[in-house]
PDB file of N, CA and C in Angstrom:
ATOM      1  N   MET A   1       0.835  -1.174   0.000  1.00  0.00           N
ATOM      2  CA  MET A   1       0.000   0.000   0.000  1.00  0.00           C
ATOM      3  C   MET A   1       0.881   1.238   0.000  1.00  0.00           C
ATOM      4  N   THR A   2       0.655   2.116  -0.930  1.00  0.00           N
ATOM      5  CA  THR A   2       1.432   3.349  -0.991  1.00  0.00           C
ATOM      6  C   THR A   2       0.655   4.474  -0.335  1.00  0.00           C
ATOM      7  N   LEU A   3       1.380   5.386   0.242  1.00  0.00           N
ATOM      8  CA  LEU A   3       0.761   6.528   0.902  1.00  0.00           C
ATOM      9  C   LEU A   3       0.779   7.720  -0.037  1.00  0.00           C
ATOM     10  N   GLY A   4      -0.333   8.444  -0.067  1.00  0.00           N
ATOM     11  CA  GLY A   4      -0.397   9.655  -0.858  1.00  0.00           C
ATOM     12  C   GLY A   4       0.304  10.793  -0.139  1.00  0.00           C
ATOM     13  N   THR A   5       0.383  11.924  -0.792  1.00  0.00           N
ATOM     14  CA  THR A   5       1.100  13.046  -0.198  1.00  0.00           C
ATOM     15  C   THR A   5       0.379  13.595   1.028  1.00  0.00           C
ATOM     16  N   LYS A   6      -0.955  13.539   1.050  1.00  0.00           N
ATOM     17  CA  LYS A   6      -1.685  13.998   2.241  1.00  0.00           C
ATOM     18  C   LYS A   6      -1.379  13.106   3.441  1.00  0.00           C
ATOM     19  N   ASP A   7      -1.341  11.799   3.203  1.00  0.00           N
ATOM     20  CA  ASP A   7      -1.042  10.863   4.280  1.00  0.00           C
ATOM     21  C   ASP A   7       0.389  11.037   4.787  1.00  0.00           C
ATOM     22  N   LEU A   8       1.313  11.245   3.876  1.00  0.00           N
ATOM     23  CA  LEU A   8       2.704  11.459   4.278  1.00  0.00           C
ATOM     24  C   LEU A   8       2.850  12.748   5.076  1.00  0.00           C
ATOM     25  N   ALA A   9       2.152  13.786   4.670  1.00  0.00           N
ATOM     26  CA  ALA A   9       2.215  15.055   5.400  1.00  0.00           C
ATOM     27  C   ALA A   9       1.664  14.881   6.807  1.00  0.00           C
ATOM     28  N   ARG A  10       0.573  14.122   6.960  1.00  0.00           N
ATOM     29  CA  ARG A  10       0.008  13.887   8.286  1.00  0.00           C
ATOM     30  C   ARG A  10       0.967  13.082   9.147  1.00  0.00           C
ATOM     31  N   LEU A  11       1.614  12.081   8.563  1.00  0.00           N
ATOM     32  CA  LEU A  11       2.564  11.285   9.326  1.00  0.00           C
ATOM     33  C   LEU A  11       3.761  12.124   9.770  1.00  0.00           C
ATOM     34  N   ARG A  12       4.217  13.040   8.923  1.00  0.00           N
ATOM     35  CA  ARG A  12       5.311  13.932   9.316  1.00  0.00           C
ATOM     36  C   ARG A  12       4.896  14.846  10.460  1.00  0.00           C
ATOM     37  N   ARG A  13       3.687  15.396  10.372  1.00  0.00           N
ATOM     38  CA  ARG A  13       3.187  16.232  11.467  1.00  0.00           C
ATOM     39  C   ARG A  13       3.051  15.422  12.746  1.00  0.00           C
ATOM     40  N   GLN A  14       2.579  14.178  12.613  1.00  0.00           N
ATOM     41  CA  GLN A  14       2.413  13.302  13.772  1.00  0.00           C
ATOM     42  C   GLN A  14       3.753  13.046  14.450  1.00  0.00           C
ATOM     43  N   GLN A  15       4.780  12.744  13.684  1.00  0.00           N
ATOM     44  CA  GLN A  15       6.095  12.487  14.253  1.00  0.00           C
ATOM     45  C   GLN A  15       6.676  13.735  14.907  1.00  0.00           C
ATOM     46  N   ARG A  16       6.462  14.874  14.299  1.00  0.00           N
ATOM     47  CA  ARG A  16       6.979  16.134  14.835  1.00  0.00           C
ATOM     48  C   ARG A  16       6.326  16.459  16.184  1.00  0.00           C
ATOM     49  N   VAL A  17       5.019  16.208  16.283  1.00  0.00           N
ATOM     50  CA  VAL A  17       4.311  16.485  17.533  1.00  0.00           C
ATOM     51  C   VAL A  17       4.660  15.448  18.589  1.00  0.00           C
ATOM     52  N   ARG A  18       4.755  14.179  18.207  1.00  0.00           N
ATOM     53  CA  ARG A  18       4.981  13.104  19.176  1.00  0.00           C
ATOM     54  C   ARG A  18       6.358  13.152  19.819  1.00  0.00           C
ATOM     55  N   LYS A  19       7.360  13.710  19.135  1.00  0.00           N
ATOM     56  CA  LYS A  19       8.678  13.734  19.753  1.00  0.00           C
ATOM     57  C   LYS A  19       8.729  14.716  20.924  1.00  0.00           C
ATOM     58  N   ARG A  20       7.805  15.671  20.968  1.00  0.00           N
ATOM     59  CA  ARG A  20       7.753  16.626  22.072  1.00  0.00           C
ATOM     60  C   ARG A  20       6.678  16.282  23.088  1.00  0.00           C
ATOM     61  N   LEU A  21       5.749  15.429  22.734  1.00  0.00           N
ATOM     62  CA  LEU A  21       4.576  15.154  23.554  1.00  0.00           C
ATOM     63  C   LEU A  21       4.709  13.802  24.225  1.00  0.00           C
ATOM     64  N   GLN A  22       4.557  13.769  25.533  1.00  0.00           N
ATOM     65  CA  GLN A  22       4.661  12.513  26.269  1.00  0.00           C
ATOM     66  C   GLN A  22       3.564  12.484  27.319  1.00  0.00           C
ATOM     67  N   GLY A  23       2.792  11.417  27.347  1.00  0.00           N
ATOM     68  CA  GLY A  23       1.751  11.274  28.351  1.00  0.00           C
ATOM     69  C   GLY A  23       2.274  10.485  29.535  1.00  0.00           C
ATOM     70  N   SER A  24       1.951  10.906  30.742  1.00  0.00           N
ATOM     71  CA  SER A  24       2.398  10.212  31.944  1.00  0.00           C
ATOM     72  C   SER A  24       1.172   9.696  32.705  1.00  0.00           C
ATOM     73  N   ASP A  25       1.429   9.025  33.819  1.00  0.00           N
ATOM     74  CA  ASP A  25       0.314   8.540  34.629  1.00  0.00           C
ATOM     75  C   ASP A  25      -0.437   9.715  35.251  1.00  0.00           C
ATOM     76  N   GLY A  26       0.277  10.763  35.611  1.00  0.00           N
ATOM     77  CA  GLY A  26      -0.353  11.931  36.205  1.00  0.00           C
ATOM     78  C   GLY A  26      -1.087  12.793  35.191  1.00  0.00           C
ATOM     79  N   ARG A  27      -0.569  12.852  33.980  1.00  0.00           N
ATOM     80  CA  ARG A  27      -1.177  13.656  32.916  1.00  0.00           C
ATOM     81  C   ARG A  27      -1.092  12.861  31.606  1.00  0.00           C
ATOM     82  N   PRO A  28      -2.059  11.972  31.370  1.00  0.00           N
ATOM     83  CA  PRO A  28      -2.001  11.119  30.173  1.00  0.00           C
ATOM     84  C   PRO A  28      -2.278  11.903  28.886  1.00  0.00           C
ATOM     85  N   ARG A  29      -2.068  11.218  27.779  1.00  0.00           N
ATOM     86  CA  ARG A  29      -2.209  11.827  26.454  1.00  0.00           C
ATOM     87  C   ARG A  29      -3.589  11.496  25.887  1.00  0.00           C
ATOM     88  N   LEU A  30      -4.315  12.539  25.454  1.00  0.00           N
ATOM     89  CA  LEU A  30      -5.607  12.361  24.774  1.00  0.00           C
ATOM     90  C   LEU A  30      -5.325  12.370  23.282  1.00  0.00           C
ATOM     91  N   CYS A  31      -5.394  11.202  22.664  1.00  0.00           N
ATOM     92  CA  CYS A  31      -5.056  11.028  21.252  1.00  0.00           C
ATOM     93  C   CYS A  31      -6.346  10.935  20.439  1.00  0.00           C
ATOM     94  N   VAL A  32      -6.400  11.694  19.345  1.00  0.00           N
ATOM     95  CA  VAL A  32      -7.596  11.760  18.505  1.00  0.00           C
ATOM     96  C   VAL A  32      -7.269  11.173  17.133  1.00  0.00           C
ATOM     97  N   PHE A  33      -8.167  10.345  16.617  1.00  0.00           N
ATOM     98  CA  PHE A  33      -8.047   9.857  15.244  1.00  0.00           C
ATOM     99  C   PHE A  33      -9.346  10.161  14.517  1.00  0.00           C
ATOM    100  N   ARG A  34      -9.205  10.711  13.317  1.00  0.00           N
ATOM    101  CA  ARG A  34     -10.363  11.109  12.522  1.00  0.00           C
ATOM    102  C   ARG A  34     -10.327  10.336  11.212  1.00  0.00           C
ATOM    103  N   SER A  35     -11.378   9.579  10.961  1.00  0.00           N
ATOM    104  CA  SER A  35     -11.498   8.897   9.672  1.00  0.00           C
ATOM    105  C   SER A  35     -12.580   9.602   8.862  1.00  0.00           C
ATOM    106  N   GLY A  36     -12.880   9.084   7.717  1.00  0.00           N
ATOM    107  CA  GLY A  36     -13.906   9.698   6.889  1.00  0.00           C
ATOM    108  C   GLY A  36     -15.292   9.607   7.485  1.00  0.00           C
ATOM    109  N   LYS A  37     -15.568   8.537   8.224  1.00  0.00           N
ATOM    110  CA  LYS A  37     -16.906   8.320   8.771  1.00  0.00           C
ATOM    111  C   LYS A  37     -17.002   8.507  10.278  1.00  0.00           C
ATOM    112  N   HIS A  38     -15.904   8.319  11.012  1.00  0.00           N
ATOM    113  CA  HIS A  38     -15.969   8.295  12.467  1.00  0.00           C
ATOM    114  C   HIS A  38     -14.849   9.133  13.079  1.00  0.00           C
ATOM    115  N   ILE A  39     -14.945   9.354  14.391  1.00  0.00           N
ATOM    116  CA  ILE A  39     -13.882  10.002  15.146  1.00  0.00           C
ATOM    117  C   ILE A  39     -13.681   9.205  16.424  1.00  0.00           C
ATOM    118  N   TYR A  40     -12.422   9.039  16.810  1.00  0.00           N
ATOM    119  CA  TYR A  40     -12.051   8.207  17.946  1.00  0.00           C
ATOM    120  C   TYR A  40     -11.183   9.022  18.893  1.00  0.00           C
ATOM    121  N   ALA A  41     -11.290   8.779  20.187  1.00  0.00           N
ATOM    122  CA  ALA A  41     -10.451   9.439  21.188  1.00  0.00           C
ATOM    123  C   ALA A  41     -10.014   8.400  22.211  1.00  0.00           C
ATOM    124  N   GLN A  42      -8.714   8.424  22.556  1.00  0.00           N
ATOM    125  CA  GLN A  42      -8.167   7.520  23.558  1.00  0.00           C
ATOM    126  C   GLN A  42      -7.345   8.323  24.547  1.00  0.00           C
ATOM    127  N   VAL A  43      -7.388   7.946  25.798  1.00  0.00           N
ATOM    128  CA  VAL A  43      -6.527   8.526  26.813  1.00  0.00           C
ATOM    129  C   VAL A  43      -5.484   7.472  27.147  1.00  0.00           C
ATOM    130  N   ILE A  44      -4.207   7.800  26.885  1.00  0.00           N
ATOM    131  CA  ILE A  44      -3.132   6.819  26.925  1.00  0.00           C
ATOM    132  C   ILE A  44      -2.059   7.270  27.913  1.00  0.00           C
ATOM    133  N   SER A  45      -1.590   6.339  28.742  1.00  0.00           N
ATOM    134  CA  SER A  45      -0.431   6.579  29.589  1.00  0.00           C
ATOM    135  C   SER A  45       0.778   5.991  28.877  1.00  0.00           C
ATOM    136  N   ASP A  46       1.706   6.859  28.463  1.00  0.00           N
ATOM    137  CA  ASP A  46       2.884   6.376  27.741  1.00  0.00           C
ATOM    138  C   ASP A  46       3.892   5.703  28.672  1.00  0.00           C
ATOM    139  N   GLU A  47       3.819   5.980  29.965  1.00  0.00           N
ATOM    140  CA  GLU A  47       4.741   5.332  30.909  1.00  0.00           C
ATOM    141  C   GLU A  47       4.459   3.838  31.015  1.00  0.00           C
ATOM    142  N   THR A  48       3.175   3.492  31.107  1.00  0.00           N
ATOM    143  CA  THR A  48       2.810   2.084  31.235  1.00  0.00           C
ATOM    144  C   THR A  48       2.366   1.473  29.912  1.00  0.00           C
ATOM    145  N   GLY A  49       2.102   2.307  28.904  1.00  0.00           N
ATOM    146  CA  GLY A  49       1.671   1.799  27.603  1.00  0.00           C
ATOM    147  C   GLY A  49       0.243   1.289  27.611  1.00  0.00           C
ATOM    148  N   ARG A  50      -0.599   1.851  28.490  1.00  0.00           N
ATOM    149  CA  ARG A  50      -1.981   1.381  28.607  1.00  0.00           C
ATOM    150  C   ARG A  50      -2.959   2.447  28.164  1.00  0.00           C
ATOM    151  N   THR A  51      -4.068   2.004  27.593  1.00  0.00           N
ATOM    152  CA  THR A  51      -5.178   2.893  27.279  1.00  0.00           C
ATOM    153  C   THR A  51      -6.070   2.966  28.504  1.00  0.00           C
ATOM    154  N   LEU A  52      -6.241   4.170  29.037  1.00  0.00           N
ATOM    155  CA  LEU A  52      -7.000   4.354  30.265  1.00  0.00           C
ATOM    156  C   LEU A  52      -8.486   4.558  30.000  1.00  0.00           C
ATOM    157  N   ALA A  53      -8.816   5.189  28.877  1.00  0.00           N
ATOM    158  CA  ALA A  53     -10.218   5.424  28.510  1.00  0.00           C
ATOM    159  C   ALA A  53     -10.292   5.571  27.002  1.00  0.00           C
ATOM    160  N   ALA A  54     -11.418   5.194  26.420  1.00  0.00           N
ATOM    161  CA  ALA A  54     -11.601   5.314  24.975  1.00  0.00           C
ATOM    162  C   ALA A  54     -13.063   5.595  24.668  1.00  0.00           C
ATOM    163  N   ALA A  55     -13.269   6.419  23.641  1.00  0.00           N
ATOM    164  CA  ALA A  55     -14.628   6.731  23.192  1.00  0.00           C
ATOM    165  C   ALA A  55     -14.574   7.006  21.697  1.00  0.00           C
ATOM    166  N   SER A  56     -15.669   6.741  21.034  1.00  0.00           N
ATOM    167  CA  SER A  56     -15.756   7.019  19.604  1.00  0.00           C
ATOM    168  C   SER A  56     -17.219   7.132  19.212  1.00  0.00           C
ATOM    169  N   THR A  57     -17.439   7.432  17.948  1.00  0.00           N
ATOM    170  CA  THR A  57     -18.807   7.487  17.461  1.00  0.00           C
ATOM    171  C   THR A  57     -19.414   6.088  17.380  1.00  0.00           C
ATOM    172  N   LEU A  58     -18.603   5.067  17.560  1.00  0.00           N
ATOM    173  CA  LEU A  58     -19.084   3.682  17.567  1.00  0.00           C
ATOM    174  C   LEU A  58     -19.352   3.168  18.973  1.00  0.00           C
ATOM    175  N   SER A  59     -19.128   3.988  19.998  1.00  0.00           N
ATOM    176  CA  SER A  59     -19.343   3.579  21.384  1.00  0.00           C
ATOM    177  C   SER A  59     -20.814   3.264  21.630  1.00  0.00           C
ATOM    178  N   ARG A  60     -21.052   2.357  22.543  1.00  0.00           N
ATOM    179  CA  ARG A  60     -22.426   1.960  22.857  1.00  0.00           C
ATOM    180  C   ARG A  60     -23.255   3.130  23.372  1.00  0.00           C
ATOM    181  N   ASP A  61     -22.620   4.015  24.131  1.00  0.00           N
ATOM    182  CA  ASP A  61     -23.342   5.153  24.705  1.00  0.00           C
ATOM    183  C   ASP A  61     -23.846   6.118  23.637  1.00  0.00           C
ATOM    184  N   LEU A  62     -23.176   6.179  22.502  1.00  0.00           N
ATOM    185  CA  LEU A  62     -23.532   7.156  21.469  1.00  0.00           C
ATOM    186  C   LEU A  62     -24.161   6.558  20.226  1.00  0.00           C
ATOM    187  N   LYS A  63     -23.991   5.283  20.020  1.00  0.00           N
ATOM    188  CA  LYS A  63     -24.362   4.674  18.744  1.00  0.00           C
ATOM    189  C   LYS A  63     -25.819   4.913  18.356  1.00  0.00           C
ATOM    190  N   GLY A  64     -26.734   4.813  19.261  1.00  0.00           N
ATOM    191  CA  GLY A  64     -28.139   5.013  18.934  1.00  0.00           C
ATOM    192  C   GLY A  64     -28.548   6.475  18.859  1.00  0.00           C
ATOM    193  N   GLN A  65     -27.776   7.369  19.470  1.00  0.00           N
ATOM    194  CA  GLN A  65     -28.133   8.781  19.518  1.00  0.00           C
ATOM    195  C   GLN A  65     -27.738   9.547  18.267  1.00  0.00           C
ATOM    196  N   LEU A  66     -26.714   9.089  17.564  1.00  0.00           N
ATOM    197  CA  LEU A  66     -26.164   9.844  16.435  1.00  0.00           C
ATOM    198  C   LEU A  66     -26.859   9.460  15.130  1.00  0.00           C
ATOM    199  N   GLN A  67     -27.308  10.465  14.411  1.00  0.00           N
ATOM    200  CA  GLN A  67     -27.873  10.197  13.089  1.00  0.00           C
ATOM    201  C   GLN A  67     -26.767  10.136  12.043  1.00  0.00           C
ATOM    202  N   ARG A  68     -25.799  11.052  12.160  1.00  0.00           N
ATOM    203  CA  ARG A  68     -24.634  11.052  11.272  1.00  0.00           C
ATOM    204  C   ARG A  68     -23.388  11.076  12.135  1.00  0.00           C
ATOM    205  N   THR A  69     -22.372  10.323  11.751  1.00  0.00           N
ATOM    206  CA  THR A  69     -21.192  10.191  12.595  1.00  0.00           C
ATOM    207  C   THR A  69     -20.023  11.058  12.146  1.00  0.00           C
ATOM    208  N   ALA A  70     -20.065  11.621  10.980  1.00  0.00           N
ATOM    209  CA  ALA A  70     -18.942  12.413  10.461  1.00  0.00           C
ATOM    210  C   ALA A  70     -19.223  13.904  10.558  1.00  0.00           C
ATOM    211  N   THR A  71     -19.831  14.336  11.653  1.00  0.00           N
ATOM    212  CA  THR A  71     -20.168  15.744  11.811  1.00  0.00           C
ATOM    213  C   THR A  71     -19.505  16.309  13.066  1.00  0.00           C
ATOM    214  N   ARG A  72     -19.500  17.636  13.166  1.00  0.00           N
ATOM    215  CA  ARG A  72     -18.954  18.284  14.351  1.00  0.00           C
ATOM    216  C   ARG A  72     -19.806  17.986  15.580  1.00  0.00           C
ATOM    217  N   ASP A  73     -21.103  17.857  15.397  1.00  0.00           N
ATOM    218  CA  ASP A  73     -21.971  17.530  16.535  1.00  0.00           C
ATOM    219  C   ASP A  73     -21.620  16.163  17.118  1.00  0.00           C
ATOM    220  N   ALA A  74     -21.336  15.204  16.261  1.00  0.00           N
ATOM    221  CA  ALA A  74     -20.930  13.884  16.735  1.00  0.00           C
ATOM    222  C   ALA A  74     -19.593  13.973  17.472  1.00  0.00           C
ATOM    223  N   ALA A  75     -18.675  14.788  16.964  1.00  0.00           N
ATOM    224  CA  ALA A  75     -17.376  14.963  17.621  1.00  0.00           C
ATOM    225  C   ALA A  75     -17.544  15.609  18.992  1.00  0.00           C
ATOM    226  N   LYS A  76     -18.484  16.550  19.107  1.00  0.00           N
ATOM    227  CA  LYS A  76     -18.747  17.175  20.406  1.00  0.00           C
ATOM    228  C   LYS A  76     -19.243  16.149  21.413  1.00  0.00           C
ATOM    229  N   GLN A  77     -20.096  15.252  20.975  1.00  0.00           N
ATOM    230  CA  GLN A  77     -20.610  14.230  21.882  1.00  0.00           C
ATOM    231  C   GLN A  77     -19.511  13.250  22.301  1.00  0.00           C
ATOM    232  N   VAL A  78     -18.599  12.936  21.384  1.00  0.00           N
ATOM    233  CA  VAL A  78     -17.473  12.065  21.724  1.00  0.00           C
ATOM    234  C   VAL A  78     -16.565  12.773  22.730  1.00  0.00           C
ATOM    235  N   GLY A  79     -16.335  14.075  22.546  1.00  0.00           N
ATOM    236  CA  GLY A  79     -15.516  14.837  23.488  1.00  0.00           C
ATOM    237  C   GLY A  79     -16.127  14.868  24.877  1.00  0.00           C
ATOM    238  N   ALA A  80     -17.432  15.060  24.958  1.00  0.00           N
ATOM    239  CA  ALA A  80     -18.109  15.059  26.258  1.00  0.00           C
ATOM    240  C   ALA A  80     -18.047  13.675  26.903  1.00  0.00           C
ATOM    241  N   LEU A  81     -18.186  12.624  26.092  1.00  0.00           N
ATOM    242  CA  LEU A  81     -18.132  11.262  26.614  1.00  0.00           C
ATOM    243  C   LEU A  81     -16.739  10.926  27.144  1.00  0.00           C
ATOM    244  N   ILE A  82     -15.686  11.293  26.418  1.00  0.00           N
ATOM    245  CA  ILE A  82     -14.328  10.975  26.875  1.00  0.00           C
ATOM    246  C   ILE A  82     -14.011  11.758  28.147  1.00  0.00           C
ATOM    247  N   ALA A  83     -14.519  12.976  28.265  1.00  0.00           N
ATOM    248  CA  ALA A  83     -14.305  13.753  29.488  1.00  0.00           C
ATOM    249  C   ALA A  83     -15.012  13.101  30.672  1.00  0.00           C
ATOM    250  N   ARG A  84     -16.220  12.608  30.440  1.00  0.00           N
ATOM    251  CA  ARG A  84     -16.959  11.933  31.508  1.00  0.00           C
ATOM    252  C   ARG A  84     -16.245  10.654  31.946  1.00  0.00           C
ATOM    253  N   LEU A  85     -15.732   9.885  30.969  1.00  0.00           N
ATOM    254  CA  LEU A  85     -15.001   8.663  31.308  1.00  0.00           C
ATOM    255  C   LEU A  85     -13.730   8.972  32.085  1.00  0.00           C
ATOM    256  N   CYS A  86     -13.061  10.056  31.725  1.00  0.00           N
ATOM    257  CA  CYS A  86     -11.841  10.452  32.441  1.00  0.00           C
ATOM    258  C   CYS A  86     -12.157  10.858  33.873  1.00  0.00           C
ATOM    259  N   GLN A  87     -13.231  11.593  34.052  1.00  0.00           N
ATOM    260  CA  GLN A  87     -13.588  12.024  35.397  1.00  0.00           C
ATOM    261  C   GLN A  87     -13.983  10.838  36.271  1.00  0.00           C
ATOM    262  N   GLU A  88     -14.583   9.814  35.694  1.00  0.00           N
ATOM    263  CA  GLU A  88     -14.903   8.607  36.446  1.00  0.00           C
ATOM    264  C   GLU A  88     -13.642   7.881  36.902  1.00  0.00           C
ATOM    265  N   ARG A  89     -12.566   8.026  36.141  1.00  0.00           N
ATOM    266  CA  ARG A  89     -11.294   7.380  36.472  1.00  0.00           C
ATOM    267  C   ARG A  89     -10.333   8.345  37.181  1.00  0.00           C
ATOM    268  N   ALA A  90     -10.846   9.477  37.654  1.00  0.00           N
ATOM    269  CA  ALA A  90     -10.084  10.483  38.416  1.00  0.00           C
ATOM    270  C   ALA A  90      -8.949  11.101  37.595  1.00  0.00           C
ATOM    271  N   ILE A  91      -9.171  11.279  36.308  1.00  0.00           N
ATOM    272  CA  ILE A  91      -8.210  11.963  35.441  1.00  0.00           C
ATOM    273  C   ILE A  91      -8.752  13.358  35.197  1.00  0.00           C
ATOM    274  N   ARG A  92      -8.023  14.368  35.631  1.00  0.00           N
ATOM    275  CA  ARG A  92      -8.488  15.753  35.505  1.00  0.00           C
ATOM    276  C   ARG A  92      -7.782  16.507  34.394  1.00  0.00           C
ATOM    277  N   ALA A  93      -6.492  16.204  34.164  1.00  0.00           N
ATOM    278  CA  ALA A  93      -5.700  16.946  33.179  1.00  0.00           C
ATOM    279  C   ALA A  93      -5.084  15.967  32.187  1.00  0.00           C
ATOM    280  N   VAL A  94      -5.066  16.353  30.923  1.00  0.00           N
ATOM    281  CA  VAL A  94      -4.488  15.533  29.861  1.00  0.00           C
ATOM    282  C   VAL A  94      -3.625  16.408  28.960  1.00  0.00           C
ATOM    283  N   VAL A  95      -2.810  15.755  28.154  1.00  0.00           N
ATOM    284  CA  VAL A  95      -2.045  16.413  27.104  1.00  0.00           C
ATOM    285  C   VAL A  95      -2.757  16.088  25.799  1.00  0.00           C
ATOM    286  N   PHE A  96      -3.097  17.106  25.009  1.00  0.00           N
ATOM    287  CA  PHE A  96      -3.875  16.876  23.788  1.00  0.00           C
ATOM    288  C   PHE A  96      -2.949  16.529  22.630  1.00  0.00           C
ATOM    289  N   ASP A  97      -3.198  15.394  22.001  1.00  0.00           N
ATOM    290  CA  ASP A  97      -2.434  14.931  20.842  1.00  0.00           C
ATOM    291  C   ASP A  97      -3.377  14.886  19.645  1.00  0.00           C
ATOM    292  N   ARG A  98      -3.194  15.810  18.721  1.00  0.00           N
ATOM    293  CA  ARG A  98      -4.082  15.873  17.562  1.00  0.00           C
ATOM    294  C   ARG A  98      -3.700  14.846  16.504  1.00  0.00           C
ATOM    295  N   ASN A  99      -2.601  14.116  16.735  1.00  0.00           N
ATOM    296  CA  ASN A  99      -2.232  12.971  15.912  1.00  0.00           C
ATOM    297  C   ASN A  99      -1.928  13.354  14.464  1.00  0.00           C
ATOM    298  N   GLY A 100      -1.420  14.547  14.251  1.00  0.00           N
ATOM    299  CA  GLY A 100      -1.067  14.983  12.904  1.00  0.00           C
ATOM    300  C   GLY A 100      -2.204  15.624  12.139  1.00  0.00           C
ATOM    301  N   PHE A 101      -3.406  15.591  12.677  1.00  0.00           N
ATOM    302  CA  PHE A 101      -4.540  16.235  12.017  1.00  0.00           C
ATOM    303  C   PHE A 101      -4.518  17.718  12.337  1.00  0.00           C
ATOM    304  N   LEU A 102      -5.017  18.524  11.436  1.00  0.00           N
ATOM    305  CA  LEU A 102      -5.076  19.950  11.670  1.00  0.00           C
ATOM    306  C   LEU A 102      -6.087  20.243  12.771  1.00  0.00           C
ATOM    307  N   TYR A 103      -5.784  21.231  13.605  1.00  0.00           N
ATOM    308  CA  TYR A 103      -6.670  21.594  14.706  1.00  0.00           C
ATOM    309  C   TYR A 103      -7.780  22.463  14.129  1.00  0.00           C
ATOM    310  N   HIS A 104      -8.782  21.792  13.577  1.00  0.00           N
ATOM    311  CA  HIS A 104      -9.828  22.467  12.819  1.00  0.00           C
ATOM    312  C   HIS A 104     -11.001  21.504  12.687  1.00  0.00           C
ATOM    313  N   GLY A 105     -12.199  22.015  12.614  1.00  0.00           N
ATOM    314  CA  GLY A 105     -13.370  21.177  12.346  1.00  0.00           C
ATOM    315  C   GLY A 105     -13.677  20.201  13.453  1.00  0.00           C
ATOM    316  N   ARG A 106     -13.709  18.910  13.117  1.00  0.00           N
ATOM    317  CA  ARG A 106     -14.116  17.884  14.070  1.00  0.00           C
ATOM    318  C   ARG A 106     -13.120  17.707  15.211  1.00  0.00           C
ATOM    319  N   VAL A 107     -11.834  17.852  14.924  1.00  0.00           N
ATOM    320  CA  VAL A 107     -10.816  17.711  15.967  1.00  0.00           C
ATOM    321  C   VAL A 107     -10.964  18.837  16.989  1.00  0.00           C
ATOM    322  N   LYS A 108     -11.164  20.043  16.511  1.00  0.00           N
ATOM    323  CA  LYS A 108     -11.352  21.201  17.394  1.00  0.00           C
ATOM    324  C   LYS A 108     -12.648  21.073  18.185  1.00  0.00           C
ATOM    325  N   ALA A 109     -13.711  20.592  17.550  1.00  0.00           N
ATOM    326  CA  ALA A 109     -14.993  20.418  18.238  1.00  0.00           C
ATOM    327  C   ALA A 109     -14.871  19.407  19.377  1.00  0.00           C
ATOM    328  N   LEU A 110     -14.145  18.308  19.149  1.00  0.00           N
ATOM    329  CA  LEU A 110     -13.936  17.310  20.193  1.00  0.00           C
ATOM    330  C   LEU A 110     -13.158  17.915  21.356  1.00  0.00           C
ATOM    331  N   ALA A 111     -12.094  18.654  21.056  1.00  0.00           N
ATOM    332  CA  ALA A 111     -11.277  19.254  22.113  1.00  0.00           C
ATOM    333  C   ALA A 111     -12.068  20.283  22.915  1.00  0.00           C
ATOM    334  N   ASP A 112     -12.832  21.119  22.245  1.00  0.00           N
ATOM    335  CA  ASP A 112     -13.625  22.135  22.946  1.00  0.00           C
ATOM    336  C   ASP A 112     -14.685  21.500  23.840  1.00  0.00           C
ATOM    337  N   ALA A 113     -15.324  20.450  23.356  1.00  0.00           N
ATOM    338  CA  ALA A 113     -16.350  19.773  24.160  1.00  0.00           C
ATOM    339  C   ALA A 113     -15.730  19.093  25.375  1.00  0.00           C
ATOM    340  N   ALA A 114     -14.534  18.527  25.226  1.00  0.00           N
ATOM    341  CA  ALA A 114     -13.864  17.890  26.362  1.00  0.00           C
ATOM    342  C   ALA A 114     -13.474  18.939  27.401  1.00  0.00           C
ATOM    343  N   ARG A 115     -13.030  20.103  26.938  1.00  0.00           N
ATOM    344  CA  ARG A 115     -12.699  21.198  27.864  1.00  0.00           C
ATOM    345  C   ARG A 115     -13.934  21.671  28.615  1.00  0.00           C
ATOM    346  N   GLU A 116     -15.041  21.846  27.892  1.00  0.00           N
ATOM    347  CA  GLU A 116     -16.271  22.311  28.517  1.00  0.00           C
ATOM    348  C   GLU A 116     -16.794  21.316  29.545  1.00  0.00           C
ATOM    349  N   ALA A 117     -16.533  20.032  29.315  1.00  0.00           N
ATOM    350  CA  ALA A 117     -17.003  18.993  30.232  1.00  0.00           C
ATOM    351  C   ALA A 117     -16.071  18.806  31.430  1.00  0.00           C
ATOM    352  N   GLY A 118     -14.964  19.553  31.490  1.00  0.00           N
ATOM    353  CA  GLY A 118     -14.151  19.531  32.688  1.00  0.00           C
ATOM    354  C   GLY A 118     -12.716  19.056  32.541  1.00  0.00           C
ATOM    355  N   LEU A 119     -12.294  18.608  31.377  1.00  0.00           N
ATOM    356  CA  LEU A 119     -10.888  18.202  31.220  1.00  0.00           C
ATOM    357  C   LEU A 119     -10.013  19.435  31.052  1.00  0.00           C
ATOM    358  N   GLN A 120      -8.833  19.387  31.609  1.00  0.00           N
ATOM    359  CA  GLN A 120      -7.869  20.485  31.448  1.00  0.00           C
ATOM    360  C   GLN A 120      -6.788  20.056  30.481  1.00  0.00           C
ATOM    361  N   PHE A 121      -6.466  20.920  29.535  1.00  0.00           N
ATOM    362  CA  PHE A 121      -5.389  20.642  28.575  1.00  0.00           C
ATOM    363  C   PHE A 121      -4.189  21.464  28.946  1.00  0.00           C
TER     364      PHE A 121
END
């Protein structure tokens, strides 16, 4: 499988951001992945290599509520859900990892909704 220039540019941005960004047990990394149809968010501790919380438009809590999954409204609901899951696990502050995606549209909507729901970046 060959990568197009858009994919290569995203991977370069991802590597550039990841070399400076490290999630710890005290302040884990909130990693966002955006596909054409869905958006995913994971809270990861890089010290232990474990995923502490995960939410997406495919989550059971959201699956029946969403009419369309590739919208900013769906991303806002995923952001609120990941913030709620973090608060249940006593995680108050995270490091935001946009994963090479531009901070715009659905990625920005997810981050803003997570902030409004109580997560600190």
